[in-house]
Amino acid sequence: MEGEINENQRHTREVRSVPPIILFTLVENCRRLGIDARGYFEVVLTRLPAIKANEAVSLTPGNWLKARHGKSQRQAV
C-alpha cells in the first residue's frame, strides 16, 4: 500500500506544519506559568506521536503542569 499514510504519519505532518504563532503562544504560556519551555517541548514532542488527537488537550502547558504537580504530590504521599 505504497503512497498511503498511516495515522501517526498524518499526525506528524500536522505537527510539522504548526504555524509559528502557535509555538510562540505555547512558549509564552510556559513562561507565564513558570515552566521551562525547553523541558516542556522535549516531553510533549516525545509523547505527541503516541497520543490520540482528542488527548492533545492534556499537553497544553496548563494541563501539563497540573498533571506534573499531581504526579509529584502522589509520589510524595
PDB file of N, CA and C in Angstrom:
ATOM      1  N   MET A   1       0.821  -1.172   0.000  1.00  0.00           N
ATOM      2  CA  MET A   1       0.000   0.000   0.000  1.00  0.00           C
ATOM      3  C   MET A   1       0.873   1.246   0.000  1.00  0.00           C
ATOM      4  N   GLU A   2       1.705   1.293  -0.992  1.00  0.00           N
ATOM      5  CA  GLU A   2       2.589   2.428  -1.122  1.00  0.00           C
ATOM      6  C   GLU A   2       1.796   3.691  -1.437  1.00  0.00           C
ATOM      7  N   GLY A   3       2.204   4.778  -0.889  1.00  0.00           N
ATOM      8  CA  GLY A   3       1.502   6.030  -1.136  1.00  0.00           C
ATOM      9  C   GLY A   3       0.483   6.377  -0.075  1.00  0.00           C
ATOM     10  N   GLU A   4       0.040   5.378   0.689  1.00  0.00           N
ATOM     11  CA  GLU A   4      -0.902   5.636   1.770  1.00  0.00           C
ATOM     12  C   GLU A   4      -0.116   6.007   3.019  1.00  0.00           C
ATOM     13  N   ILE A   5      -0.711   6.845   3.836  1.00  0.00           N
ATOM     14  CA  ILE A   5      -0.052   7.213   5.085  1.00  0.00           C
ATOM     15  C   ILE A   5      -0.893   6.729   6.254  1.00  0.00           C
ATOM     16  N   ASN A   6      -0.201   6.312   7.308  1.00  0.00           N
ATOM     17  CA  ASN A   6      -0.942   5.859   8.483  1.00  0.00           C
ATOM     18  C   ASN A   6      -1.244   7.046   9.390  1.00  0.00           C
ATOM     19  N   GLU A   7      -1.956   6.794  10.467  1.00  0.00           N
ATOM     20  CA  GLU A   7      -2.406   7.861  11.371  1.00  0.00           C
ATOM     21  C   GLU A   7      -1.231   8.607  11.993  1.00  0.00           C
ATOM     22  N   ASN A   8      -0.174   7.885  12.403  1.00  0.00           N
ATOM     23  CA  ASN A   8       0.992   8.541  13.003  1.00  0.00           C
ATOM     24  C   ASN A   8       1.690   9.450  12.008  1.00  0.00           C
ATOM     25  N   GLN A   9       1.808   9.012  10.754  1.00  0.00           N
ATOM     26  CA  GLN A   9       2.436   9.858   9.737  1.00  0.00           C
ATOM     27  C   GLN A   9       1.602  11.107   9.493  1.00  0.00           C
ATOM     28  N   ARG A  10       0.296  10.977   9.457  1.00  0.00           N
ATOM     29  CA  ARG A  10      -0.586  12.122   9.249  1.00  0.00           C
ATOM     30  C   ARG A  10      -0.434  13.101  10.403  1.00  0.00           C
ATOM     31  N   HIS A  11      -0.405  12.554  11.629  1.00  0.00           N
ATOM     32  CA  HIS A  11      -0.264  13.376  12.829  1.00  0.00           C
ATOM     33  C   HIS A  11       1.083  14.109  12.808  1.00  0.00           C
ATOM     34  N   THR A  12       2.158  13.410  12.402  1.00  0.00           N
ATOM     35  CA  THR A  12       3.487  14.016  12.333  1.00  0.00           C
ATOM     36  C   THR A  12       3.505  15.143  11.316  1.00  0.00           C
ATOM     37  N   ARG A  13       2.863  14.968  10.183  1.00  0.00           N
ATOM     38  CA  ARG A  13       2.800  16.036   9.179  1.00  0.00           C
ATOM     39  C   ARG A  13       2.069  17.251   9.723  1.00  0.00           C
ATOM     40  N   GLU A  14       1.004  17.014  10.485  1.00  0.00           N
ATOM     41  CA  GLU A  14       0.258  18.128  11.068  1.00  0.00           C
ATOM     42  C   GLU A  14       1.116  18.878  12.069  1.00  0.00           C
ATOM     43  N   VAL A  15       1.910  18.152  12.860  1.00  0.00           N
ATOM     44  CA  VAL A  15       2.780  18.792  13.845  1.00  0.00           C
ATOM     45  C   VAL A  15       3.826  19.634  13.148  1.00  0.00           C
ATOM     46  N   ARG A  16       4.382  19.135  12.066  1.00  0.00           N
ATOM     47  CA  ARG A  16       5.412  19.877  11.330  1.00  0.00           C
ATOM     48  C   ARG A  16       4.869  21.158  10.716  1.00  0.00           C
ATOM     49  N   SER A  17       3.582  21.212  10.490  1.00  0.00           N
ATOM     50  CA  SER A  17       3.013  22.380   9.825  1.00  0.00           C
ATOM     51  C   SER A  17       2.356  23.350  10.802  1.00  0.00           C
ATOM     52  N   VAL A  18       2.756  23.301  12.073  1.00  0.00           N
ATOM     53  CA  VAL A  18       2.193  24.201  13.074  1.00  0.00           C
ATOM     54  C   VAL A  18       2.660  25.629  12.768  1.00  0.00           C
ATOM     55  N   PRO A  19       1.727  26.558  12.667  1.00  0.00           N
ATOM     56  CA  PRO A  19       2.117  27.952  12.416  1.00  0.00           C
ATOM     57  C   PRO A  19       2.965  28.493  13.576  1.00  0.00           C
ATOM     58  N   PRO A  20       3.969  29.311  13.269  1.00  0.00           N
ATOM     59  CA  PRO A  20       4.849  29.840  14.316  1.00  0.00           C
ATOM     60  C   PRO A  20       4.102  30.539  15.452  1.00  0.00           C
ATOM     61  N   ILE A  21       3.004  31.198  15.173  1.00  0.00           N
ATOM     62  CA  ILE A  21       2.277  31.909  16.230  1.00  0.00           C
ATOM     63  C   ILE A  21       1.809  30.950  17.325  1.00  0.00           C
ATOM     64  N   ILE A  22       1.487  29.727  16.963  1.00  0.00           N
ATOM     65  CA  ILE A  22       1.071  28.743  17.964  1.00  0.00           C
ATOM     66  C   ILE A  22       2.257  28.373  18.849  1.00  0.00           C
ATOM     67  N   LEU A  23       3.418  28.182  18.230  1.00  0.00           N
ATOM     68  CA  LEU A  23       4.609  27.868  19.018  1.00  0.00           C
ATOM     69  C   LEU A  23       4.969  29.024  19.945  1.00  0.00           C
ATOM     70  N   PHE A  24       4.890  30.243  19.451  1.00  0.00           N
ATOM     71  CA  PHE A  24       5.181  31.412  20.283  1.00  0.00           C
ATOM     72  C   PHE A  24       4.192  31.489  21.451  1.00  0.00           C
ATOM     73  N   THR A  25       2.941  31.180  21.185  1.00  0.00           N
ATOM     74  CA  THR A  25       1.923  31.198  22.240  1.00  0.00           C
ATOM     75  C   THR A  25       2.227  30.145  23.298  1.00  0.00           C
ATOM     76  N   LEU A  26       2.615  28.951  22.869  1.00  0.00           N
ATOM     77  CA  LEU A  26       2.969  27.900  23.829  1.00  0.00           C
ATOM     78  C   LEU A  26       4.168  28.313  24.681  1.00  0.00           C
ATOM     79  N   VAL A  27       5.175  28.907  24.043  1.00  0.00           N
ATOM     80  CA  VAL A  27       6.354  29.363  24.787  1.00  0.00           C
ATOM     81  C   VAL A  27       5.956  30.437  25.796  1.00  0.00           C
ATOM     82  N   GLU A  28       5.125  31.378  25.391  1.00  0.00           N
ATOM     83  CA  GLU A  28       4.688  32.444  26.291  1.00  0.00           C
ATOM     84  C   GLU A  28       3.857  31.883  27.443  1.00  0.00           C
ATOM     85  N   ASN A  29       3.014  30.909  27.166  1.00  0.00           N
ATOM     86  CA  ASN A  29       2.236  30.272  28.235  1.00  0.00           C
ATOM     87  C   ASN A  29       3.155  29.547  29.216  1.00  0.00           C
ATOM     88  N   CYS A  30       4.179  28.905  28.707  1.00  0.00           N
ATOM     89  CA  CYS A  30       5.152  28.259  29.586  1.00  0.00           C
ATOM     90  C   CYS A  30       5.816  29.307  30.480  1.00  0.00           C
ATOM     91  N   ARG A  31       6.234  30.403  29.885  1.00  0.00           N
ATOM     92  CA  ARG A  31       6.885  31.462  30.652  1.00  0.00           C
ATOM     93  C   ARG A  31       5.957  31.989  31.742  1.00  0.00           C
ATOM     94  N   ARG A  32       4.713  32.236  31.377  1.00  0.00           N
ATOM     95  CA  ARG A  32       3.730  32.769  32.313  1.00  0.00           C
ATOM     96  C   ARG A  32       3.474  31.807  33.471  1.00  0.00           C
ATOM     97  N   LEU A  33       3.519  30.515  33.195  1.00  0.00           N
ATOM     98  CA  LEU A  33       3.244  29.504  34.219  1.00  0.00           C
ATOM     99  C   LEU A  33       4.505  29.055  34.967  1.00  0.00           C
ATOM    100  N   GLY A  34       5.660  29.605  34.597  1.00  0.00           N
ATOM    101  CA  GLY A  34       6.912  29.227  35.254  1.00  0.00           C
ATOM    102  C   GLY A  34       7.448  27.875  34.826  1.00  0.00           C
ATOM    103  N   ILE A  35       7.101  27.449  33.612  1.00  0.00           N
ATOM    104  CA  ILE A  35       7.532  26.159  33.077  1.00  0.00           C
ATOM    105  C   ILE A  35       8.762  26.393  32.193  1.00  0.00           C
ATOM    106  N   ASP A  36       9.762  25.523  32.325  1.00  0.00           N
ATOM    107  CA  ASP A  36      10.909  25.551  31.426  1.00  0.00           C
ATOM    108  C   ASP A  36      10.417  25.104  30.044  1.00  0.00           C
ATOM    109  N   ALA A  37      10.385  26.031  29.089  1.00  0.00           N
ATOM    110  CA  ALA A  37       9.811  25.740  27.772  1.00  0.00           C
ATOM    111  C   ALA A  37      10.555  24.607  27.066  1.00  0.00           C
ATOM    112  N   ARG A  38      11.868  24.587  27.177  1.00  0.00           N
ATOM    113  CA  ARG A  38      12.635  23.531  26.511  1.00  0.00           C
ATOM    114  C   ARG A  38      12.259  22.156  27.066  1.00  0.00           C
ATOM    115  N   GLY A  39      12.202  22.048  28.391  1.00  0.00           N
ATOM    116  CA  GLY A  39      11.810  20.784  29.010  1.00  0.00           C
ATOM    117  C   GLY A  39      10.401  20.383  28.632  1.00  0.00           C
ATOM    118  N   TYR A  40       9.508  21.373  28.606  1.00  0.00           N
ATOM    119  CA  TYR A  40       8.116  21.120  28.213  1.00  0.00           C
ATOM    120  C   TYR A  40       8.059  20.538  26.799  1.00  0.00           C
ATOM    121  N   PHE A  41       8.741  21.204  25.856  1.00  0.00           N
ATOM    122  CA  PHE A  41       8.690  20.731  24.468  1.00  0.00           C
ATOM    123  C   PHE A  41       9.356  19.371  24.304  1.00  0.00           C
ATOM    124  N   GLU A  42      10.412  19.097  25.052  1.00  0.00           N
ATOM    125  CA  GLU A  42      11.050  17.782  24.966  1.00  0.00           C
ATOM    126  C   GLU A  42      10.075  16.679  25.354  1.00  0.00           C
ATOM    127  N   VAL A  43       9.363  16.900  26.452  1.00  0.00           N
ATOM    128  CA  VAL A  43       8.400  15.886  26.914  1.00  0.00           C
ATOM    129  C   VAL A  43       7.219  15.790  25.956  1.00  0.00           C
ATOM    130  N   VAL A  44       6.653  16.934  25.607  1.00  0.00           N
ATOM    131  CA  VAL A  44       5.449  16.954  24.780  1.00  0.00           C
ATOM    132  C   VAL A  44       5.721  16.402  23.381  1.00  0.00           C
ATOM    133  N   LEU A  45       6.810  16.819  22.763  1.00  0.00           N
ATOM    134  CA  LEU A  45       7.082  16.346  21.403  1.00  0.00           C
ATOM    135  C   LEU A  45       7.455  14.872  21.378  1.00  0.00           C
ATOM    136  N   THR A  46       7.935  14.355  22.483  1.00  0.00           N
ATOM    137  CA  THR A  46       8.210  12.924  22.576  1.00  0.00           C
ATOM    138  C   THR A  46       6.904  12.137  22.696  1.00  0.00           C
ATOM    139  N   ARG A  47       5.959  12.674  23.473  1.00  0.00           N
ATOM    140  CA  ARG A  47       4.676  11.984  23.692  1.00  0.00           C
ATOM    141  C   ARG A  47       3.694  12.162  22.546  1.00  0.00           C
ATOM    142  N   LEU A  48       3.780  13.272  21.849  1.00  0.00           N
ATOM    143  CA  LEU A  48       2.773  13.641  20.860  1.00  0.00           C
ATOM    144  C   LEU A  48       2.489  12.573  19.800  1.00  0.00           C
ATOM    145  N   PRO A  49       3.492  11.940  19.223  1.00  0.00           N
ATOM    146  CA  PRO A  49       3.179  10.934  18.192  1.00  0.00           C
ATOM    147  C   PRO A  49       2.401   9.723  18.701  1.00  0.00           C
ATOM    148  N   ALA A  50       2.445   9.484  20.000  1.00  0.00           N
ATOM    149  CA  ALA A  50       1.810   8.280  20.549  1.00  0.00           C
ATOM    150  C   ALA A  50       0.408   8.515  21.093  1.00  0.00           C
ATOM    151  N   ILE A  51      -0.065   9.754  21.079  1.00  0.00           N
ATOM    152  CA  ILE A  51      -1.389  10.010  21.654  1.00  0.00           C
ATOM    153  C   ILE A  51      -2.424  10.209  20.559  1.00  0.00           C
ATOM    154  N   LYS A  52      -3.676  10.056  20.954  1.00  0.00           N
ATOM    155  CA  LYS A  52      -4.783  10.303  20.038  1.00  0.00           C
ATOM    156  C   LYS A  52      -5.038  11.803  19.972  1.00  0.00           C
ATOM    157  N   ALA A  53      -5.608  12.249  18.875  1.00  0.00           N
ATOM    158  CA  ALA A  53      -5.858  13.682  18.671  1.00  0.00           C
ATOM    159  C   ALA A  53      -6.709  14.272  19.799  1.00  0.00           C
ATOM    160  N   ASN A  54      -7.679  13.514  20.285  1.00  0.00           N
ATOM    161  CA  ASN A  54      -8.554  14.052  21.338  1.00  0.00           C
ATOM    162  C   ASN A  54      -7.862  14.106  22.703  1.00  0.00           C
ATOM    163  N   GLU A  55      -6.665  13.549  22.827  1.00  0.00           N
ATOM    164  CA  GLU A  55      -5.904  13.613  24.069  1.00  0.00           C
ATOM    165  C   GLU A  55      -4.906  14.770  24.062  1.00  0.00           C
ATOM    166  N   ALA A  56      -4.774  15.471  22.952  1.00  0.00           N
ATOM    167  CA  ALA A  56      -3.784  16.538  22.824  1.00  0.00           C
ATOM    168  C   ALA A  56      -4.014  17.664  23.825  1.00  0.00           C
ATOM    169  N   VAL A  57      -5.254  17.878  24.232  1.00  0.00           N
ATOM    170  CA  VAL A  57      -5.546  18.941  25.196  1.00  0.00           C
ATOM    171  C   VAL A  57      -4.810  18.709  26.513  1.00  0.00           C
ATOM    172  N   SER A  58      -4.473  17.475  26.816  1.00  0.00           N
ATOM    173  CA  SER A  58      -3.740  17.193  28.052  1.00  0.00           C
ATOM    174  C   SER A  58      -2.308  17.704  27.994  1.00  0.00           C
ATOM    175  N   LEU A  59      -1.844  18.067  26.798  1.00  0.00           N
ATOM    176  CA  LEU A  59      -0.469  18.527  26.631  1.00  0.00           C
ATOM    177  C   LEU A  59      -0.333  20.046  26.563  1.00  0.00           C
ATOM    178  N   THR A  60      -1.427  20.781  26.773  1.00  0.00           N
ATOM    179  CA  THR A  60      -1.295  22.235  26.842  1.00  0.00           C
ATOM    180  C   THR A  60      -0.479  22.566  28.086  1.00  0.00           C
ATOM    181  N   PRO A  61       0.242  23.681  28.100  1.00  0.00           N
ATOM    182  CA  PRO A  61       1.088  23.979  29.252  1.00  0.00           C
ATOM    183  C   PRO A  61       0.354  23.918  30.598  1.00  0.00           C
ATOM    184  N   GLY A  62      -0.834  24.483  30.688  1.00  0.00           N
ATOM    185  CA  GLY A  62      -1.572  24.471  31.951  1.00  0.00           C
ATOM    186  C   GLY A  62      -1.942  23.063  32.397  1.00  0.00           C
ATOM    187  N   ASN A  63      -2.478  22.270  31.488  1.00  0.00           N
ATOM    188  CA  ASN A  63      -2.860  20.896  31.831  1.00  0.00           C
ATOM    189  C   ASN A  63      -1.638  20.026  32.112  1.00  0.00           C
ATOM    190  N   TRP A  64      -0.579  20.251  31.365  1.00  0.00           N
ATOM    191  CA  TRP A  64       0.659  19.508  31.570  1.00  0.00           C
ATOM    192  C   TRP A  64       1.217  19.796  32.967  1.00  0.00           C
ATOM    193  N   LEU A  65       1.186  21.073  33.368  1.00  0.00           N
ATOM    194  CA  LEU A  65       1.672  21.461  34.684  1.00  0.00           C
ATOM    195  C   LEU A  65       0.821  20.828  35.787  1.00  0.00           C
ATOM    196  N   LYS A  66      -0.502  20.843  35.614  1.00  0.00           N
ATOM    197  CA  LYS A  66      -1.391  20.210  36.603  1.00  0.00           C
ATOM    198  C   LYS A  66      -1.073  18.723  36.747  1.00  0.00           C
ATOM    199  N   ALA A  67      -0.869  18.053  35.631  1.00  0.00           N
ATOM    200  CA  ALA A  67      -0.573  16.618  35.659  1.00  0.00           C
ATOM    201  C   ALA A  67       0.763  16.359  36.346  1.00  0.00           C
ATOM    202  N   ARG A  68       1.749  17.193  36.101  1.00  0.00           N
ATOM    203  CA  ARG A  68       3.062  17.032  36.746  1.00  0.00           C
ATOM    204  C   ARG A  68       2.965  17.247  38.242  1.00  0.00           C
ATOM    205  N   HIS A  69       2.224  18.276  38.644  1.00  0.00           N
ATOM    206  CA  HIS A  69       2.075  18.527  40.073  1.00  0.00           C
ATOM    207  C   HIS A  69       1.318  17.390  40.741  1.00  0.00           C
ATOM    208  N   GLY A  70       0.338  16.838  40.055  1.00  0.00           N
ATOM    209  CA  GLY A  70      -0.405  15.708  40.603  1.00  0.00           C
ATOM    210  C   GLY A  70       0.490  14.504  40.808  1.00  0.00           C
ATOM    211  N   LYS A  71       1.403  14.256  39.862  1.00  0.00           N
ATOM    212  CA  LYS A  71       2.325  13.138  39.977  1.00  0.00           C
ATOM    213  C   LYS A  71       3.270  13.332  41.145  1.00  0.00           C
ATOM    214  N   SER A  72       3.833  14.541  41.267  1.00  0.00           N
ATOM    215  CA  SER A  72       4.790  14.768  42.340  1.00  0.00           C
ATOM    216  C   SER A  72       4.108  14.704  43.703  1.00  0.00           C
ATOM    217  N   GLN A  73       2.856  15.147  43.795  1.00  0.00           N
ATOM    218  CA  GLN A  73       2.119  15.079  45.049  1.00  0.00           C
ATOM    219  C   GLN A  73       1.786  13.630  45.384  1.00  0.00           C
ATOM    220  N   ARG A  74       1.402  12.846  44.382  1.00  0.00           N
ATOM    221  CA  ARG A  74       1.074  11.439  44.624  1.00  0.00           C
ATOM    222  C   ARG A  74       2.316  10.674  45.057  1.00  0.00           C
ATOM    223  N   GLN A  75       3.480  10.991  44.457  1.00  0.00           N
ATOM    224  CA  GLN A  75       4.695  10.302  44.814  1.00  0.00           C
ATOM    225  C   GLN A  75       5.150  10.659  46.224  1.00  0.00           C
ATOM    226  N   ALA A  76       4.854  11.891  46.653  1.00  0.00           N
ATOM    227  CA  ALA A  76       5.294  12.344  47.976  1.00  0.00           C
ATOM    228  C   ALA A  76       4.473  11.725  49.095  1.00  0.00           C
ATOM    229  N   VAL A  77       3.273  11.248  48.775  1.00  0.00           N
ATOM    230  CA  VAL A  77       2.376  10.703  49.815  1.00  0.00           C
ATOM    231  C   VAL A  77       2.841   9.335  50.248  1.00  0.00           C
TER     232      VAL A  77
END
